[in-house]
């Protein structure tokens, strides 16, 4: 019988003036919330992409003129999906840029001290 070890997440504690863990700043909270939302959106977009691919295959099997009509509608949905994926990539890129800027600022402050 194979037992899985449950590992507790490692919590990093930052100490400021020896008073223990500091509260995350509103910016950190906002970035974390945005990253979580981006992950959820990414999963949903991926699921939609898969669904469209399956529906495209099913549409090709329809009799008569139905495949052409259905594929046109699926193409329109694919364009909307592509636009949403592009927008999500822009949001993620912006989030990453803000995180790097925050890290650079923190490094610069620690060097000055």
Foldseek 3Di string as FASTA:
>chain_A
DDDDDDDDDDDDADDDPNPTRDDDDPVVVVLVVLVVVLVVVVVVLVVVVVVLVVVLVVLVPDDDPRSVVSVVVSVVVVVVSVVSVVVSVVSVVVSVVVVVVVVVVVVVVVVVD
